[in-house]
Amino acid sequence: MFKECKNVQLVCSLEDLREIFAEWREEQRKKEQQEQQHQKNAEYLTIDETCKLLDVTKPTLWRWAKMKYLVPVKVGRKNFYKQSDIDALRKG
């Protein structure tokens, strides 16, 4: 595909290097933000995920919420459960 070239010279200005570094830094910042958003989303589980993880039914989760045993977080009209609350419940 590429021929071997022994005498290749690359010339770029300081401004070119700054621009390349700024673009790279912006890409890294965006990746970090996506990672943080993914981690933030992973902190909350849906009702189905919670049921599967705890091996309980939806009515059980509803009853636990009424008893304040495992309280969901409401986002709009949906309930989510904190991973930390589930972990604490599993540990006893």
PDB file of N, CA and C in Angstrom:
ATOM      1  N   MET A   1       0.818  -1.183   0.000  1.00  0.00           N
ATOM      2  CA  MET A   1       0.000   0.000   0.000  1.00  0.00           C
ATOM      3  C   MET A   1       0.869   1.257   0.000  1.00  0.00           C
ATOM      4  N   PHE A   2       1.756   1.376   0.998  1.00  0.00           N
ATOM      5  CA  PHE A   2       2.662   2.515   1.044  1.00  0.00           C
ATOM      6  C   PHE A   2       4.057   2.034   0.675  1.00  0.00           C
ATOM      7  N   LYS A   3       4.731   2.851  -0.095  1.00  0.00           N
ATOM      8  CA  LYS A   3       6.119   2.535  -0.415  1.00  0.00           C
ATOM      9  C   LYS A   3       6.989   3.048   0.712  1.00  0.00           C
ATOM     10  N   GLU A   4       8.052   2.353   0.962  1.00  0.00           N
ATOM     11  CA  GLU A   4       8.964   2.774   2.017  1.00  0.00           C
ATOM     12  C   GLU A   4       9.760   3.983   1.546  1.00  0.00           C
ATOM     13  N   CYS A   5       9.701   5.031   2.338  1.00  0.00           N
ATOM     14  CA  CYS A   5      10.416   6.265   2.013  1.00  0.00           C
ATOM     15  C   CYS A   5      11.370   6.574   3.157  1.00  0.00           C
ATOM     16  N   LYS A   6      12.606   6.638   2.861  1.00  0.00           N
ATOM     17  CA  LYS A   6      13.601   6.855   3.902  1.00  0.00           C
ATOM     18  C   LYS A   6      13.859   8.329   4.153  1.00  0.00           C
ATOM     19  N   ASN A   7      13.738   9.147   3.164  1.00  0.00           N
ATOM     20  CA  ASN A   7      14.072  10.557   3.307  1.00  0.00           C
ATOM     21  C   ASN A   7      12.810  11.415   3.256  1.00  0.00           C
ATOM     22  N   VAL A   8      12.014  11.309   4.299  1.00  0.00           N
ATOM     23  CA  VAL A   8      10.799  12.100   4.368  1.00  0.00           C
ATOM     24  C   VAL A   8      10.998  13.176   5.426  1.00  0.00           C
ATOM     25  N   GLN A   9      10.570  14.362   5.115  1.00  0.00           N
ATOM     26  CA  GLN A   9      10.721  15.457   6.040  1.00  0.00           C
ATOM     27  C   GLN A   9       9.352  16.107   6.223  1.00  0.00           C
ATOM     28  N   LEU A  10       8.971  16.305   7.472  1.00  0.00           N
ATOM     29  CA  LEU A  10       7.691  16.915   7.805  1.00  0.00           C
ATOM     30  C   LEU A  10       7.972  18.278   8.418  1.00  0.00           C
ATOM     31  N   VAL A  11       7.349  19.288   7.853  1.00  0.00           N
ATOM     32  CA  VAL A  11       7.559  20.649   8.340  1.00  0.00           C
ATOM     33  C   VAL A  11       6.204  21.221   8.747  1.00  0.00           C
ATOM     34  N   CYS A  12       6.137  21.722   9.976  1.00  0.00           N
ATOM     35  CA  CYS A  12       4.914  22.395  10.410  1.00  0.00           C
ATOM     36  C   CYS A  12       5.308  23.548  11.322  1.00  0.00           C
ATOM     37  N   SER A  13       4.450  24.522  11.329  1.00  0.00           N
ATOM     38  CA  SER A  13       4.747  25.712  12.120  1.00  0.00           C
ATOM     39  C   SER A  13       4.274  25.507  13.564  1.00  0.00           C
ATOM     40  N   LEU A  14       4.687  26.381  14.413  1.00  0.00           N
ATOM     41  CA  LEU A  14       4.271  26.360  15.808  1.00  0.00           C
ATOM     42  C   LEU A  14       2.752  26.534  15.901  1.00  0.00           C
ATOM     43  N   GLU A  15       2.209  27.387  15.044  1.00  0.00           N
ATOM     44  CA  GLU A  15       0.753  27.614  15.031  1.00  0.00           C
ATOM     45  C   GLU A  15       0.024  26.335  14.621  1.00  0.00           C
ATOM     46  N   ASP A  16       0.575  25.583  13.660  1.00  0.00           N
ATOM     47  CA  ASP A  16      -0.021  24.298  13.270  1.00  0.00           C
ATOM     48  C   ASP A  16      -0.037  23.331  14.451  1.00  0.00           C
ATOM     49  N   LEU A  17       1.059  23.275  15.180  1.00  0.00           N
ATOM     50  CA  LEU A  17       1.136  22.395  16.340  1.00  0.00           C
ATOM     51  C   LEU A  17       0.128  22.806  17.406  1.00  0.00           C
ATOM     52  N   ARG A  18      -0.013  24.103  17.624  1.00  0.00           N
ATOM     53  CA  ARG A  18      -0.995  24.586  18.602  1.00  0.00           C
ATOM     54  C   ARG A  18      -2.413  24.189  18.195  1.00  0.00           C
ATOM     55  N   GLU A  19      -2.714  24.344  16.916  1.00  0.00           N
ATOM     56  CA  GLU A  19      -4.047  23.999  16.421  1.00  0.00           C
ATOM     57  C   GLU A  19      -4.312  22.494  16.562  1.00  0.00           C
ATOM     58  N   ILE A  20      -3.351  21.694  16.216  1.00  0.00           N
ATOM     59  CA  ILE A  20      -3.492  20.242  16.339  1.00  0.00           C
ATOM     60  C   ILE A  20      -3.686  19.855  17.802  1.00  0.00           C
ATOM     61  N   PHE A  21      -2.887  20.452  18.684  1.00  0.00           N
ATOM     62  CA  PHE A  21      -3.020  20.146  20.107  1.00  0.00           C
ATOM     63  C   PHE A  21      -4.378  20.590  20.640  1.00  0.00           C
ATOM     64  N   ALA A  22      -4.853  21.764  20.228  1.00  0.00           N
ATOM     65  CA  ALA A  22      -6.158  22.265  20.679  1.00  0.00           C
ATOM     66  C   ALA A  22      -7.274  21.326  20.223  1.00  0.00           C
ATOM     67  N   GLU A  23      -7.203  20.843  18.999  1.00  0.00           N
ATOM     68  CA  GLU A  23      -8.202  19.886  18.492  1.00  0.00           C
ATOM     69  C   GLU A  23      -8.148  18.587  19.291  1.00  0.00           C
ATOM     70  N   TRP A  24      -6.946  18.097  19.550  1.00  0.00           N
ATOM     71  CA  TRP A  24      -6.790  16.858  20.321  1.00  0.00           C
ATOM     72  C   TRP A  24      -7.343  17.038  21.735  1.00  0.00           C
ATOM     73  N   ARG A  25      -7.044  18.177  22.354  1.00  0.00           N
ATOM     74  CA  ARG A  25      -7.517  18.454  23.709  1.00  0.00           C
ATOM     75  C   ARG A  25      -9.043  18.516  23.743  1.00  0.00           C
ATOM     76  N   GLU A  26      -9.659  19.109  22.740  1.00  0.00           N
ATOM     77  CA  GLU A  26     -11.122  19.183  22.660  1.00  0.00           C
ATOM     78  C   GLU A  26     -11.728  17.786  22.492  1.00  0.00           C
ATOM     79  N   GLU A  27     -11.105  16.953  21.678  1.00  0.00           N
ATOM     80  CA  GLU A  27     -11.577  15.569  21.521  1.00  0.00           C
ATOM     81  C   GLU A  27     -11.495  14.819  22.850  1.00  0.00           C
ATOM     82  N   GLN A  28     -10.412  15.007  23.576  1.00  0.00           N
ATOM     83  CA  GLN A  28     -10.242  14.343  24.868  1.00  0.00           C
ATOM     84  C   GLN A  28     -11.293  14.832  25.871  1.00  0.00           C
ATOM     85  N   ARG A  29     -11.571  16.122  25.853  1.00  0.00           N
ATOM     86  CA  ARG A  29     -12.585  16.692  26.743  1.00  0.00           C
ATOM     87  C   ARG A  29     -13.959  16.097  26.443  1.00  0.00           C
ATOM     88  N   LYS A  30     -14.288  15.969  25.161  1.00  0.00           N
ATOM     89  CA  LYS A  30     -15.567  15.390  24.773  1.00  0.00           C
ATOM     90  C   LYS A  30     -15.659  13.927  25.196  1.00  0.00           C
ATOM     91  N   LYS A  31     -14.574  13.183  25.044  1.00  0.00           N
ATOM     92  CA  LYS A  31     -14.550  11.780  25.463  1.00  0.00           C
ATOM     93  C   LYS A  31     -14.759  11.665  26.971  1.00  0.00           C
ATOM     94  N   GLU A  32     -14.111  12.535  27.732  1.00  0.00           N
ATOM     95  CA  GLU A  32     -14.266  12.522  29.190  1.00  0.00           C
ATOM     96  C   GLU A  32     -15.702  12.840  29.586  1.00  0.00           C
ATOM     97  N   GLN A  33     -16.318  13.812  28.907  1.00  0.00           N
ATOM     98  CA  GLN A  33     -17.706  14.159  29.202  1.00  0.00           C
ATOM     99  C   GLN A  33     -18.630  12.982  28.896  1.00  0.00           C
ATOM    100  N   GLN A  34     -18.392  12.300  27.778  1.00  0.00           N
ATOM    101  CA  GLN A  34     -19.204  11.139  27.433  1.00  0.00           C
ATOM    102  C   GLN A  34     -19.025  10.044  28.470  1.00  0.00           C
ATOM    103  N   GLU A  35     -17.815   9.831  28.911  1.00  0.00           N
ATOM    104  CA  GLU A  35     -17.529   8.818  29.930  1.00  0.00           C
ATOM    105  C   GLU A  35     -18.233   9.168  31.242  1.00  0.00           C
ATOM    106  N   GLN A  36     -18.173  10.438  31.638  1.00  0.00           N
ATOM    107  CA  GLN A  36     -18.834  10.865  32.870  1.00  0.00           C
ATOM    108  C   GLN A  36     -20.343  10.698  32.758  1.00  0.00           C
ATOM    109  N   GLN A  37     -20.899  11.018  31.586  1.00  0.00           N
ATOM    110  CA  GLN A  37     -22.339  10.859  31.382  1.00  0.00           C
ATOM    111  C   GLN A  37     -22.718   9.387  31.441  1.00  0.00           C
ATOM    112  N   HIS A  38     -21.891   8.549  30.861  1.00  0.00           N
ATOM    113  CA  HIS A  38     -22.151   7.113  30.896  1.00  0.00           C
ATOM    114  C   HIS A  38     -22.109   6.599  32.330  1.00  0.00           C
ATOM    115  N   GLN A  39     -21.127   7.036  33.100  1.00  0.00           N
ATOM    116  CA  GLN A  39     -21.034   6.628  34.500  1.00  0.00           C
ATOM    117  C   GLN A  39     -22.209   7.143  35.301  1.00  0.00           C
ATOM    118  N   LYS A  40     -22.622   8.371  35.011  1.00  0.00           N
ATOM    119  CA  LYS A  40     -23.762   8.942  35.720  1.00  0.00           C
ATOM    120  C   LYS A  40     -25.021   8.151  35.415  1.00  0.00           C
ATOM    121  N   ASN A  41     -25.201   7.784  34.147  1.00  0.00           N
ATOM    122  CA  ASN A  41     -26.363   6.986  33.768  1.00  0.00           C
ATOM    123  C   ASN A  41     -26.305   5.595  34.375  1.00  0.00           C
ATOM    124  N   ALA A  42     -25.113   5.066  34.550  1.00  0.00           N
ATOM    125  CA  ALA A  42     -24.968   3.724  35.107  1.00  0.00           C
ATOM    126  C   ALA A  42     -25.275   3.707  36.604  1.00  0.00           C
ATOM    127  N   GLU A  43     -25.327   4.860  37.241  1.00  0.00           N
ATOM    128  CA  GLU A  43     -25.609   4.930  38.665  1.00  0.00           C
ATOM    129  C   GLU A  43     -27.086   4.663  38.965  1.00  0.00           C
ATOM    130  N   TYR A  44     -27.938   4.759  37.966  1.00  0.00           N
ATOM    131  CA  TYR A  44     -29.368   4.560  38.149  1.00  0.00           C
ATOM    132  C   TYR A  44     -29.848   3.410  37.272  1.00  0.00           C
ATOM    133  N   LEU A  45     -30.690   2.565  37.864  1.00  0.00           N
ATOM    134  CA  LEU A  45     -31.211   1.410  37.143  1.00  0.00           C
ATOM    135  C   LEU A  45     -32.711   1.556  36.931  1.00  0.00           C
ATOM    136  N   THR A  46     -33.187   0.995  35.834  1.00  0.00           N
ATOM    137  CA  THR A  46     -34.619   1.000  35.565  1.00  0.00           C
ATOM    138  C   THR A  46     -35.309   0.001  36.483  1.00  0.00           C
ATOM    139  N   ILE A  47     -36.621   0.021  36.464  1.00  0.00           N
ATOM    140  CA  ILE A  47     -37.391  -0.927  37.274  1.00  0.00           C
ATOM    141  C   ILE A  47     -37.061  -2.360  36.856  1.00  0.00           C
ATOM    142  N   ASP A  48     -37.041  -2.606  35.551  1.00  0.00           N
ATOM    143  CA  ASP A  48     -36.756  -3.963  35.065  1.00  0.00           C
ATOM    144  C   ASP A  48     -35.355  -4.426  35.461  1.00  0.00           C
ATOM    145  N   GLU A  49     -34.380  -3.539  35.325  1.00  0.00           N
ATOM    146  CA  GLU A  49     -33.009  -3.895  35.713  1.00  0.00           C
ATOM    147  C   GLU A  49     -32.931  -4.187  37.207  1.00  0.00           C
ATOM    148  N   THR A  50     -33.631  -3.391  37.994  1.00  0.00           N
ATOM    149  CA  THR A  50     -33.625  -3.577  39.449  1.00  0.00           C
ATOM    150  C   THR A  50     -34.294  -4.889  39.822  1.00  0.00           C
ATOM    151  N   CYS A  51     -35.414  -5.179  39.194  1.00  0.00           N
ATOM    152  CA  CYS A  51     -36.115  -6.453  39.450  1.00  0.00           C
ATOM    153  C   CYS A  51     -35.203  -7.639  39.138  1.00  0.00           C
ATOM    154  N   LYS A  52     -34.545  -7.566  38.009  1.00  0.00           N
ATOM    155  CA  LYS A  52     -33.663  -8.668  37.597  1.00  0.00           C
ATOM    156  C   LYS A  52     -32.484  -8.807  38.564  1.00  0.00           C
ATOM    157  N   LEU A  53     -31.900  -7.692  38.946  1.00  0.00           N
ATOM    158  CA  LEU A  53     -30.737  -7.715  39.828  1.00  0.00           C
ATOM    159  C   LEU A  53     -31.082  -8.249  41.215  1.00  0.00           C
ATOM    160  N   LEU A  54     -32.242  -7.848  41.732  1.00  0.00           N
ATOM    161  CA  LEU A  54     -32.645  -8.273  43.078  1.00  0.00           C
ATOM    162  C   LEU A  54     -33.494  -9.550  43.067  1.00  0.00           C
ATOM    163  N   ASP A  55     -33.854 -10.006  41.873  1.00  0.00           N
ATOM    164  CA  ASP A  55     -34.686 -11.201  41.715  1.00  0.00           C
ATOM    165  C   ASP A  55     -36.020 -11.052  42.460  1.00  0.00           C
ATOM    166  N   VAL A  56     -36.683  -9.915  42.195  1.00  0.00           N
ATOM    167  CA  VAL A  56     -37.994  -9.635  42.773  1.00  0.00           C
ATOM    168  C   VAL A  56     -38.935  -9.184  41.655  1.00  0.00           C
ATOM    169  N   THR A  57     -40.212  -9.077  41.967  1.00  0.00           N
ATOM    170  CA  THR A  57     -41.201  -8.634  40.991  1.00  0.00           C
ATOM    171  C   THR A  57     -41.442  -7.135  41.120  1.00  0.00           C
ATOM    172  N   LYS A  58     -42.115  -6.570  40.130  1.00  0.00           N
ATOM    173  CA  LYS A  58     -42.454  -5.142  40.163  1.00  0.00           C
ATOM    174  C   LYS A  58     -43.348  -4.800  41.353  1.00  0.00           C
ATOM    175  N   PRO A  59     -44.361  -5.649  41.659  1.00  0.00           N
ATOM    176  CA  PRO A  59     -45.168  -5.338  42.849  1.00  0.00           C
ATOM    177  C   PRO A  59     -44.341  -5.293  44.140  1.00  0.00           C
ATOM    178  N   THR A  60     -43.296  -6.105  44.209  1.00  0.00           N
ATOM    179  CA  THR A  60     -42.422  -6.077  45.390  1.00  0.00           C
ATOM    180  C   THR A  60     -41.704  -4.736  45.478  1.00  0.00           C
ATOM    181  N   LEU A  61     -41.189  -4.258  44.357  1.00  0.00           N
ATOM    182  CA  LEU A  61     -40.531  -2.944  44.356  1.00  0.00           C
ATOM    183  C   LEU A  61     -41.523  -1.853  44.742  1.00  0.00           C
ATOM    184  N   TRP A  62     -42.746  -1.934  44.257  1.00  0.00           N
ATOM    185  CA  TRP A  62     -43.771  -0.948  44.590  1.00  0.00           C
ATOM    186  C   TRP A  62     -44.042  -0.970  46.100  1.00  0.00           C
ATOM    187  N   ARG A  63     -44.155  -2.172  46.654  1.00  0.00           N
ATOM    188  CA  ARG A  63     -44.412  -2.319  48.095  1.00  0.00           C
ATOM    189  C   ARG A  63     -43.235  -1.775  48.907  1.00  0.00           C
ATOM    190  N   TRP A  64     -42.017  -2.080  48.474  1.00  0.00           N
ATOM    191  CA  TRP A  64     -40.827  -1.579  49.162  1.00  0.00           C
ATOM    192  C   TRP A  64     -40.783  -0.053  49.136  1.00  0.00           C
ATOM    193  N   ALA A  65     -41.212   0.533  48.024  1.00  0.00           N
ATOM    194  CA  ALA A  65     -41.227   1.993  47.912  1.00  0.00           C
ATOM    195  C   ALA A  65     -42.228   2.582  48.906  1.00  0.00           C
ATOM    196  N   LYS A  66     -43.398   1.945  49.036  1.00  0.00           N
ATOM    197  CA  LYS A  66     -44.407   2.431  49.999  1.00  0.00           C
ATOM    198  C   LYS A  66     -43.899   2.314  51.433  1.00  0.00           C
ATOM    199  N   MET A  67     -43.104   1.261  51.698  1.00  0.00           N
ATOM    200  CA  MET A  67     -42.559   1.035  53.042  1.00  0.00           C
ATOM    201  C   MET A  67     -41.286   1.849  53.284  1.00  0.00           C
ATOM    202  N   LYS A  68     -40.826   2.574  52.250  1.00  0.00           N
ATOM    203  CA  LYS A  68     -39.575   3.350  52.305  1.00  0.00           C
ATOM    204  C   LYS A  68     -38.355   2.447  52.500  1.00  0.00           C
ATOM    205  N   TYR A  69     -38.469   1.200  52.042  1.00  0.00           N
ATOM    206  CA  TYR A  69     -37.377   0.235  52.138  1.00  0.00           C
ATOM    207  C   TYR A  69     -36.381   0.438  50.995  1.00  0.00           C
ATOM    208  N   LEU A  70     -36.905   0.675  49.807  1.00  0.00           N
ATOM    209  CA  LEU A  70     -36.086   0.987  48.634  1.00  0.00           C
ATOM    210  C   LEU A  70     -36.856   2.039  47.841  1.00  0.00           C
ATOM    211  N   VAL A  71     -36.445   3.279  47.994  1.00  0.00           N
ATOM    212  CA  VAL A  71     -37.189   4.399  47.424  1.00  0.00           C
ATOM    213  C   VAL A  71     -36.632   4.741  46.037  1.00  0.00           C
ATOM    214  N   PRO A  72     -37.512   4.791  45.032  1.00  0.00           N
ATOM    215  CA  PRO A  72     -37.051   5.151  43.683  1.00  0.00           C
ATOM    216  C   PRO A  72     -36.849   6.659  43.536  1.00  0.00           C
ATOM    217  N   VAL A  73     -36.100   7.015  42.507  1.00  0.00           N
ATOM    218  CA  VAL A  73     -35.902   8.411  42.133  1.00  0.00           C
ATOM    219  C   VAL A  73     -36.779   8.644  40.913  1.00  0.00           C
ATOM    220  N   LYS A  74     -37.629   9.644  40.970  1.00  0.00           N
ATOM    221  CA  LYS A  74     -38.521   9.937  39.843  1.00  0.00           C
ATOM    222  C   LYS A  74     -37.833  10.892  38.873  1.00  0.00           C
ATOM    223  N   VAL A  75     -37.866  10.499  37.613  1.00  0.00           N
ATOM    224  CA  VAL A  75     -37.388  11.357  36.536  1.00  0.00           C
ATOM    225  C   VAL A  75     -38.547  11.455  35.551  1.00  0.00           C
ATOM    226  N   GLY A  76     -39.214  12.581  35.586  1.00  0.00           N
ATOM    227  CA  GLY A  76     -40.423  12.712  34.784  1.00  0.00           C
ATOM    228  C   GLY A  76     -41.487  11.791  35.349  1.00  0.00           C
ATOM    229  N   ARG A  77     -41.938  10.869  34.515  1.00  0.00           N
ATOM    230  CA  ARG A  77     -42.955   9.917  34.952  1.00  0.00           C
ATOM    231  C   ARG A  77     -42.362   8.542  35.242  1.00  0.00           C
ATOM    232  N   LYS A  78     -41.061   8.416  35.151  1.00  0.00           N
ATOM    233  CA  LYS A  78     -40.410   7.110  35.328  1.00  0.00           C
ATOM    234  C   LYS A  78     -39.670   7.023  36.654  1.00  0.00           C
ATOM    235  N   ASN A  79     -39.604   5.810  37.169  1.00  0.00           N
ATOM    236  CA  ASN A  79     -38.852   5.537  38.400  1.00  0.00           C
ATOM    237  C   ASN A  79     -37.518   4.891  38.066  1.00  0.00           C
ATOM    238  N   PHE A  80     -36.494   5.316  38.771  1.00  0.00           N
ATOM    239  CA  PHE A  80     -35.178   4.714  38.670  1.00  0.00           C
ATOM    240  C   PHE A  80     -34.689   4.441  40.090  1.00  0.00           C
ATOM    241  N   TYR A  81     -33.784   3.498  40.215  1.00  0.00           N
ATOM    242  CA  TYR A  81     -33.249   3.134  41.524  1.00  0.00           C
ATOM    243  C   TYR A  81     -31.751   3.373  41.530  1.00  0.00           C
ATOM    244  N   LYS A  82     -31.268   3.968  42.604  1.00  0.00           N
ATOM    245  CA  LYS A  82     -29.838   4.239  42.735  1.00  0.00           C
ATOM    246  C   LYS A  82     -29.079   2.928  42.920  1.00  0.00           C
ATOM    247  N   GLN A  83     -27.989   2.806  42.186  1.00  0.00           N
ATOM    248  CA  GLN A  83     -27.139   1.618  42.304  1.00  0.00           C
ATOM    249  C   GLN A  83     -26.620   1.478  43.724  1.00  0.00           C
ATOM    250  N   SER A  84     -26.281   2.594  44.361  1.00  0.00           N
ATOM    251  CA  SER A  84     -25.751   2.536  45.725  1.00  0.00           C
ATOM    252  C   SER A  84     -26.803   2.022  46.710  1.00  0.00           C
ATOM    253  N   ASP A  85     -28.074   2.405  46.508  1.00  0.00           N
ATOM    254  CA  ASP A  85     -29.149   1.902  47.368  1.00  0.00           C
ATOM    255  C   ASP A  85     -29.331   0.399  47.193  1.00  0.00           C
ATOM    256  N   ILE A  86     -29.247  -0.045  45.968  1.00  0.00           N
ATOM    257  CA  ILE A  86     -29.391  -1.482  45.679  1.00  0.00           C
ATOM    258  C   ILE A  86     -28.233  -2.254  46.290  1.00  0.00           C
ATOM    259  N   ASP A  87     -27.024  -1.719  46.148  1.00  0.00           N
ATOM    260  CA  ASP A  87     -25.842  -2.377  46.732  1.00  0.00           C
ATOM    261  C   ASP A  87     -25.974  -2.473  48.244  1.00  0.00           C
ATOM    262  N   ALA A  88     -26.448  -1.400  48.875  1.00  0.00           N
ATOM    263  CA  ALA A  88     -26.605  -1.406  50.339  1.00  0.00           C
ATOM    264  C   ALA A  88     -27.658  -2.429  50.753  1.00  0.00           C
ATOM    265  N   LEU A  89     -28.715  -2.540  49.989  1.00  0.00           N
ATOM    266  CA  LEU A  89     -29.778  -3.503  50.277  1.00  0.00           C
ATOM    267  C   LEU A  89     -29.264  -4.942  50.146  1.00  0.00           C
ATOM    268  N   ARG A  90     -28.445  -5.182  49.143  1.00  0.00           N
ATOM    269  CA  ARG A  90     -27.905  -6.519  48.906  1.00  0.00           C
ATOM    270  C   ARG A  90     -26.916  -6.929  49.998  1.00  0.00           C
ATOM    271  N   LYS A  91     -26.182  -5.950  50.547  1.00  0.00           N
ATOM    272  CA  LYS A  91     -25.207  -6.260  51.591  1.00  0.00           C
ATOM    273  C   LYS A  91     -25.879  -6.498  52.926  1.00  0.00           C
ATOM    274  N   GLY A  92     -27.073  -5.957  53.077  1.00  0.00           N
ATOM    275  CA  GLY A  92     -27.827  -6.212  54.309  1.00  0.00           C
ATOM    276  C   GLY A  92     -27.748  -5.135  55.251  1.00  0.00           C
TER     277      GLY A  92
END
